[in-house]
Amino acid sequence: MRFMRPVVAAAKTLIPPVAPPSEEEIARRRAVFTEAMRLREQIGPIRITADELVRQGRAEEEASYA
C-alpha cells in the first residue's frame, strides 16, 4: 500500500520565483528585438521551414563527428 501512495516533492526542490527584469534588462531586450527585426527586414524571407533548419543543423552536427 505504501508503494501506491502519491509522491509529493519536498518544498525545497521547487524553483524559486524569478524577480521581474530590471529597467536596464528591459531596455537591452528591446534593443536586441529591434535589431533582430531590422535585420529580418534587411535579409527578407529565407524560404525555409523551421523543420528543415533543424534537419540541416542535425545533419551538420552529425557530419562533424564523422
PDB file of N, CA and C in Angstrom:
ATOM      1  N   MET A   1       0.823  -1.194   0.000  1.00  0.00           N
ATOM      2  CA  MET A   1       0.000   0.000   0.000  1.00  0.00           C
ATOM      3  C   MET A   1       0.870   1.262   0.000  1.00  0.00           C
ATOM      4  N   ARG A   2       2.011   1.199   0.665  1.00  0.00           N
ATOM      5  CA  ARG A   2       2.906   2.363   0.708  1.00  0.00           C
ATOM      6  C   ARG A   2       3.393   2.704  -0.698  1.00  0.00           C
ATOM      7  N   PHE A   3       3.624   1.710  -1.503  1.00  0.00           N
ATOM      8  CA  PHE A   3       4.082   1.898  -2.880  1.00  0.00           C
ATOM      9  C   PHE A   3       3.049   2.659  -3.704  1.00  0.00           C
ATOM     10  N   MET A   4       1.786   2.499  -3.405  1.00  0.00           N
ATOM     11  CA  MET A   4       0.712   3.094  -4.179  1.00  0.00           C
ATOM     12  C   MET A   4       0.428   4.546  -3.804  1.00  0.00           C
ATOM     13  N   ARG A   5       0.957   5.034  -2.679  1.00  0.00           N
ATOM     14  CA  ARG A   5       0.700   6.417  -2.275  1.00  0.00           C
ATOM     15  C   ARG A   5       1.393   7.401  -3.216  1.00  0.00           C
ATOM     16  N   PRO A   6       0.745   8.536  -3.515  1.00  0.00           N
ATOM     17  CA  PRO A   6       1.389   9.528  -4.382  1.00  0.00           C
ATOM     18  C   PRO A   6       2.629  10.120  -3.724  1.00  0.00           C
ATOM     19  N   VAL A   7       3.588  10.438  -4.533  1.00  0.00           N
ATOM     20  CA  VAL A   7       4.822  11.052  -4.048  1.00  0.00           C
ATOM     21  C   VAL A   7       4.677  12.552  -4.196  1.00  0.00           C
ATOM     22  N   VAL A   8       5.015  13.282  -3.139  1.00  0.00           N
ATOM     23  CA  VAL A   8       4.941  14.735  -3.155  1.00  0.00           C
ATOM     24  C   VAL A   8       6.358  15.274  -3.010  1.00  0.00           C
ATOM     25  N   ALA A   9       6.748  16.174  -3.924  1.00  0.00           N
ATOM     26  CA  ALA A   9       8.083  16.749  -3.862  1.00  0.00           C
ATOM     27  C   ALA A   9       8.219  17.626  -2.621  1.00  0.00           C
ATOM     28  N   ALA A  10       9.400  17.610  -2.047  1.00  0.00           N
ATOM     29  CA  ALA A  10       9.670  18.468  -0.901  1.00  0.00           C
ATOM     30  C   ALA A  10       9.680  19.923  -1.359  1.00  0.00           C
ATOM     31  N   ALA A  11       9.275  20.812  -0.488  1.00  0.00           N
ATOM     32  CA  ALA A  11       9.187  22.235  -0.837  1.00  0.00           C
ATOM     33  C   ALA A  11      10.537  22.801  -1.276  1.00  0.00           C
ATOM     34  N   LYS A  12      11.636  22.295  -0.753  1.00  0.00           N
ATOM     35  CA  LYS A  12      12.948  22.846  -1.096  1.00  0.00           C
ATOM     36  C   LYS A  12      13.354  22.528  -2.543  1.00  0.00           C
ATOM     37  N   THR A  13      12.673  21.590  -3.192  1.00  0.00           N
ATOM     38  CA  THR A  13      13.025  21.258  -4.570  1.00  0.00           C
ATOM     39  C   THR A  13      12.309  22.142  -5.585  1.00  0.00           C
ATOM     40  N   LEU A  14      11.379  22.979  -5.123  1.00  0.00           N
ATOM     41  CA  LEU A  14      10.658  23.854  -6.035  1.00  0.00           C
ATOM     42  C   LEU A  14      11.564  24.977  -6.507  1.00  0.00           C
ATOM     43  N   ILE A  15      11.340  25.418  -7.714  1.00  0.00           N
ATOM     44  CA  ILE A  15      12.137  26.503  -8.279  1.00  0.00           C
ATOM     45  C   ILE A  15      11.681  27.812  -7.647  1.00  0.00           C
ATOM     46  N   PRO A  16      12.635  28.603  -7.153  1.00  0.00           N
ATOM     47  CA  PRO A  16      12.233  29.868  -6.529  1.00  0.00           C
ATOM     48  C   PRO A  16      11.675  30.834  -7.572  1.00  0.00           C
ATOM     49  N   PRO A  17      10.800  31.742  -7.158  1.00  0.00           N
ATOM     50  CA  PRO A  17      10.244  32.697  -8.112  1.00  0.00           C
ATOM     51  C   PRO A  17      11.342  33.591  -8.688  1.00  0.00           C
ATOM     52  N   VAL A  18      11.153  33.998  -9.926  1.00  0.00           N
ATOM     53  CA  VAL A  18      12.127  34.845 -10.605  1.00  0.00           C
ATOM     54  C   VAL A  18      11.683  36.297 -10.453  1.00  0.00           C
ATOM     55  N   ALA A  19      12.630  37.142 -10.118  1.00  0.00           N
ATOM     56  CA  ALA A  19      12.325  38.569  -9.980  1.00  0.00           C
ATOM     57  C   ALA A  19      12.054  39.162 -11.356  1.00  0.00           C
ATOM     58  N   PRO A  20      11.206  40.162 -11.432  1.00  0.00           N
ATOM     59  CA  PRO A  20      10.962  40.802 -12.731  1.00  0.00           C
ATOM     60  C   PRO A  20      12.244  41.454 -13.247  1.00  0.00           C
ATOM     61  N   PRO A  21      12.384  41.559 -14.566  1.00  0.00           N
ATOM     62  CA  PRO A  21      13.614  42.149 -15.110  1.00  0.00           C
ATOM     63  C   PRO A  21      13.741  43.624 -14.743  1.00  0.00           C
ATOM     64  N   SER A  22      14.972  44.065 -14.616  1.00  0.00           N
ATOM     65  CA  SER A  22      15.228  45.472 -14.306  1.00  0.00           C
ATOM     66  C   SER A  22      14.924  46.335 -15.530  1.00  0.00           C
ATOM     67  N   GLU A  23      14.866  47.634 -15.317  1.00  0.00           N
ATOM     68  CA  GLU A  23      14.650  48.558 -16.438  1.00  0.00           C
ATOM     69  C   GLU A  23      15.767  48.437 -17.460  1.00  0.00           C
ATOM     70  N   GLU A  24      16.996  48.241 -16.993  1.00  0.00           N
ATOM     71  CA  GLU A  24      18.140  48.082 -17.900  1.00  0.00           C
ATOM     72  C   GLU A  24      17.987  46.815 -18.742  1.00  0.00           C
ATOM     73  N   GLU A  25      17.515  45.736 -18.108  1.00  0.00           N
ATOM     74  CA  GLU A  25      17.323  44.482 -18.839  1.00  0.00           C
ATOM     75  C   GLU A  25      16.214  44.626 -19.870  1.00  0.00           C
ATOM     76  N   ILE A  26      15.146  45.312 -19.509  1.00  0.00           N
ATOM     77  CA  ILE A  26      14.057  45.533 -20.459  1.00  0.00           C
ATOM     78  C   ILE A  26      14.561  46.340 -21.648  1.00  0.00           C
ATOM     79  N   ALA A  27      15.357  47.364 -21.384  1.00  0.00           N
ATOM     80  CA  ALA A  27      15.923  48.184 -22.471  1.00  0.00           C
ATOM     81  C   ALA A  27      16.832  47.343 -23.350  1.00  0.00           C
ATOM     82  N   ARG A  28      17.642  46.472 -22.738  1.00  0.00           N
ATOM     83  CA  ARG A  28      18.538  45.611 -23.518  1.00  0.00           C
ATOM     84  C   ARG A  28      17.738  44.668 -24.408  1.00  0.00           C
ATOM     85  N   ARG A  29      16.687  44.073 -23.856  1.00  0.00           N
ATOM     86  CA  ARG A  29      15.852  43.150 -24.629  1.00  0.00           C
ATOM     87  C   ARG A  29      15.163  43.870 -25.792  1.00  0.00           C
ATOM     88  N   ARG A  30      14.694  45.091 -25.538  1.00  0.00           N
ATOM     89  CA  ARG A  30      14.063  45.865 -26.617  1.00  0.00           C
ATOM     90  C   ARG A  30      15.056  46.156 -27.730  1.00  0.00           C
ATOM     91  N   ALA A  31      16.289  46.514 -27.347  1.00  0.00           N
ATOM     92  CA  ALA A  31      17.317  46.816 -28.343  1.00  0.00           C
ATOM     93  C   ALA A  31      17.643  45.571 -29.172  1.00  0.00           C
ATOM     94  N   VAL A  32      17.752  44.426 -28.530  1.00  0.00           N
ATOM     95  CA  VAL A  32      18.030  43.173 -29.247  1.00  0.00           C
ATOM     96  C   VAL A  32      16.889  42.852 -30.201  1.00  0.00           C
ATOM     97  N   PHE A  33      15.657  42.994 -29.728  1.00  0.00           N
ATOM     98  CA  PHE A  33      14.497  42.714 -30.564  1.00  0.00           C
ATOM     99  C   PHE A  33      14.446  43.666 -31.758  1.00  0.00           C
ATOM    100  N   THR A  34      14.674  44.950 -31.511  1.00  0.00           N
ATOM    101  CA  THR A  34      14.657  45.943 -32.583  1.00  0.00           C
ATOM    102  C   THR A  34      15.712  45.627 -33.635  1.00  0.00           C
ATOM    103  N   GLU A  35      16.901  45.260 -33.206  1.00  0.00           N
ATOM    104  CA  GLU A  35      17.968  44.909 -34.152  1.00  0.00           C
ATOM    105  C   GLU A  35      17.612  43.650 -34.931  1.00  0.00           C
ATOM    106  N   ALA A  36      17.017  42.666 -34.261  1.00  0.00           N
ATOM    107  CA  ALA A  36      16.611  41.436 -34.951  1.00  0.00           C
ATOM    108  C   ALA A  36      15.566  41.735 -36.016  1.00  0.00           C
ATOM    109  N   MET A  37      14.613  42.598 -35.695  1.00  0.00           N
ATOM    110  CA  MET A  37      13.587  42.962 -36.672  1.00  0.00           C
ATOM    111  C   MET A  37      14.178  43.766 -37.834  1.00  0.00           C
ATOM    112  N   ARG A  38      15.161  44.622 -37.550  1.00  0.00           N
ATOM    113  CA  ARG A  38      15.825  45.377 -38.607  1.00  0.00           C
ATOM    114  C   ARG A  38      16.545  44.431 -39.563  1.00  0.00           C
ATOM    115  N   LEU A  39      17.271  43.477 -39.003  1.00  0.00           N
ATOM    116  CA  LEU A  39      17.988  42.505 -39.829  1.00  0.00           C
ATOM    117  C   LEU A  39      17.022  41.632 -40.615  1.00  0.00           C
ATOM    118  N   ARG A  40      15.906  41.287 -39.997  1.00  0.00           N
ATOM    119  CA  ARG A  40      14.904  40.468 -40.681  1.00  0.00           C
ATOM    120  C   ARG A  40      14.374  41.203 -41.906  1.00  0.00           C
ATOM    121  N   GLU A  41      14.101  42.489 -41.764  1.00  0.00           N
ATOM    122  CA  GLU A  41      13.636  43.289 -42.900  1.00  0.00           C
ATOM    123  C   GLU A  41      14.713  43.389 -43.976  1.00  0.00           C
ATOM    124  N   GLN A  42      15.952  43.532 -43.554  1.00  0.00           N
ATOM    125  CA  GLN A  42      17.076  43.658 -44.488  1.00  0.00           C
ATOM    126  C   GLN A  42      17.309  42.364 -45.256  1.00  0.00           C
ATOM    127  N   ILE A  43      17.256  41.247 -44.565  1.00  0.00           N
ATOM    128  CA  ILE A  43      17.543  39.952 -45.190  1.00  0.00           C
ATOM    129  C   ILE A  43      16.353  39.447 -45.996  1.00  0.00           C
ATOM    130  N   GLY A  44      15.161  39.661 -45.474  1.00  0.00           N
ATOM    131  CA  GLY A  44      13.973  39.155 -46.134  1.00  0.00           C
ATOM    132  C   GLY A  44      13.736  37.704 -45.777  1.00  0.00           C
ATOM    133  N   PRO A  45      12.706  37.095 -46.367  1.00  0.00           N
ATOM    134  CA  PRO A  45      12.392  35.699 -46.042  1.00  0.00           C
ATOM    135  C   PRO A  45      13.501  34.757 -46.477  1.00  0.00           C
ATOM    136  N   ILE A  46      13.734  33.733 -45.680  1.00  0.00           N
ATOM    137  CA  ILE A  46      14.789  32.775 -46.018  1.00  0.00           C
ATOM    138  C   ILE A  46      14.250  31.574 -46.791  1.00  0.00           C
ATOM    139  N   ARG A  47      12.944  31.515 -46.948  1.00  0.00           N
ATOM    140  CA  ARG A  47      12.284  30.485 -47.745  1.00  0.00           C
ATOM    141  C   ARG A  47      12.667  29.054 -47.331  1.00  0.00           C
ATOM    142  N   ILE A  48      12.684  28.842 -46.021  1.00  0.00           N
ATOM    143  CA  ILE A  48      12.946  27.508 -45.491  1.00  0.00           C
ATOM    144  C   ILE A  48      12.146  27.374 -44.197  1.00  0.00           C
ATOM    145  N   THR A  49      11.644  26.179 -43.938  1.00  0.00           N
ATOM    146  CA  THR A  49      10.848  25.977 -42.728  1.00  0.00           C
ATOM    147  C   THR A  49      11.762  25.727 -41.528  1.00  0.00           C
ATOM    148  N   ALA A  50      11.214  25.920 -40.348  1.00  0.00           N
ATOM    149  CA  ALA A  50      11.958  25.639 -39.129  1.00  0.00           C
ATOM    150  C   ALA A  50      12.353  24.169 -39.083  1.00  0.00           C
ATOM    151  N   ASP A  51      11.463  23.304 -39.556  1.00  0.00           N
ATOM    152  CA  ASP A  51      11.749  21.871 -39.596  1.00  0.00           C
ATOM    153  C   ASP A  51      12.996  21.585 -40.437  1.00  0.00           C
ATOM    154  N   GLU A  52      13.089  22.217 -41.600  1.00  0.00           N
ATOM    155  CA  GLU A  52      14.240  21.990 -42.469  1.00  0.00           C
ATOM    156  C   GLU A  52      15.511  22.568 -41.845  1.00  0.00           C
ATOM    157  N   LEU A  53      15.396  23.698 -41.183  1.00  0.00           N
ATOM    158  CA  LEU A  53      16.570  24.257 -40.497  1.00  0.00           C
ATOM    159  C   LEU A  53      17.087  23.298 -39.431  1.00  0.00           C
ATOM    160  N   VAL A  54      16.173  22.699 -38.680  1.00  0.00           N
ATOM    161  CA  VAL A  54      16.573  21.732 -37.650  1.00  0.00           C
ATOM    162  C   VAL A  54      17.242  20.534 -38.301  1.00  0.00           C
ATOM    163  N   ARG A  55      16.658  20.032 -39.381  1.00  0.00           N
ATOM    164  CA  ARG A  55      17.246  18.876 -40.074  1.00  0.00           C
ATOM    165  C   ARG A  55      18.653  19.190 -40.589  1.00  0.00           C
ATOM    166  N   GLN A  56      18.822  20.368 -41.163  1.00  0.00           N
ATOM    167  CA  GLN A  56      20.141  20.757 -41.665  1.00  0.00           C
ATOM    168  C   GLN A  56      21.145  20.886 -40.521  1.00  0.00           C
ATOM    169  N   GLY A  57      20.711  21.491 -39.429  1.00  0.00           N
ATOM    170  CA  GLY A  57      21.596  21.627 -38.278  1.00  0.00           C
ATOM    171  C   GLY A  57      22.030  20.283 -37.725  1.00  0.00           C
ATOM    172  N   ARG A  58      21.089  19.350 -37.640  1.00  0.00           N
ATOM    173  CA  ARG A  58      21.418  18.000 -37.153  1.00  0.00           C
ATOM    174  C   ARG A  58      22.372  17.297 -38.117  1.00  0.00           C
ATOM    175  N   ALA A  59      22.124  17.452 -39.409  1.00  0.00           N
ATOM    176  CA  ALA A  59      22.994  16.815 -40.394  1.00  0.00           C
ATOM    177  C   ALA A  59      24.416  17.370 -40.285  1.00  0.00           C
ATOM    178  N   GLU A  60      24.543  18.688 -40.124  1.00  0.00           N
ATOM    179  CA  GLU A  60      25.871  19.296 -39.972  1.00  0.00           C
ATOM    180  C   GLU A  60      26.551  18.812 -38.709  1.00  0.00           C
ATOM    181  N   GLU A  61      25.783  18.708 -37.634  1.00  0.00           N
ATOM    182  CA  GLU A  61      26.347  18.228 -36.371  1.00  0.00           C
ATOM    183  C   GLU A  61      26.821  16.777 -36.508  1.00  0.00           C
ATOM    184  N   GLU A  62      26.009  15.938 -37.128  1.00  0.00           N
ATOM    185  CA  GLU A  62      26.378  14.536 -37.320  1.00  0.00           C
ATOM    186  C   GLU A  62      27.607  14.430 -38.222  1.00  0.00           C
ATOM    187  N   ALA A  63      27.687  15.269 -39.253  1.00  0.00           N
ATOM    188  CA  ALA A  63      28.852  15.229 -40.155  1.00  0.00           C
ATOM    189  C   ALA A  63      30.125  15.621 -39.429  1.00  0.00           C
ATOM    190  N   SER A  64      30.013  16.462 -38.419  1.00  0.00           N
ATOM    191  CA  SER A  64      31.219  16.882 -37.699  1.00  0.00           C
ATOM    192  C   SER A  64      31.824  15.748 -36.887  1.00  0.00           C
ATOM    193  N   TYR A  65      31.050  14.692 -36.605  1.00  0.00           N
ATOM    194  CA  TYR A  65      31.563  13.547 -35.854  1.00  0.00           C
ATOM    195  C   TYR A  65      32.179  12.492 -36.763  1.00  0.00           C
ATOM    196  N   ALA A  66      31.980  12.620 -38.066  1.00  0.00           N
ATOM    197  CA  ALA A  66      32.469  11.586 -38.981  1.00  0.00           C
ATOM    198  C   ALA A  66      33.947  11.696 -39.227  1.00  0.00           C
TER     199      ALA A  66
END
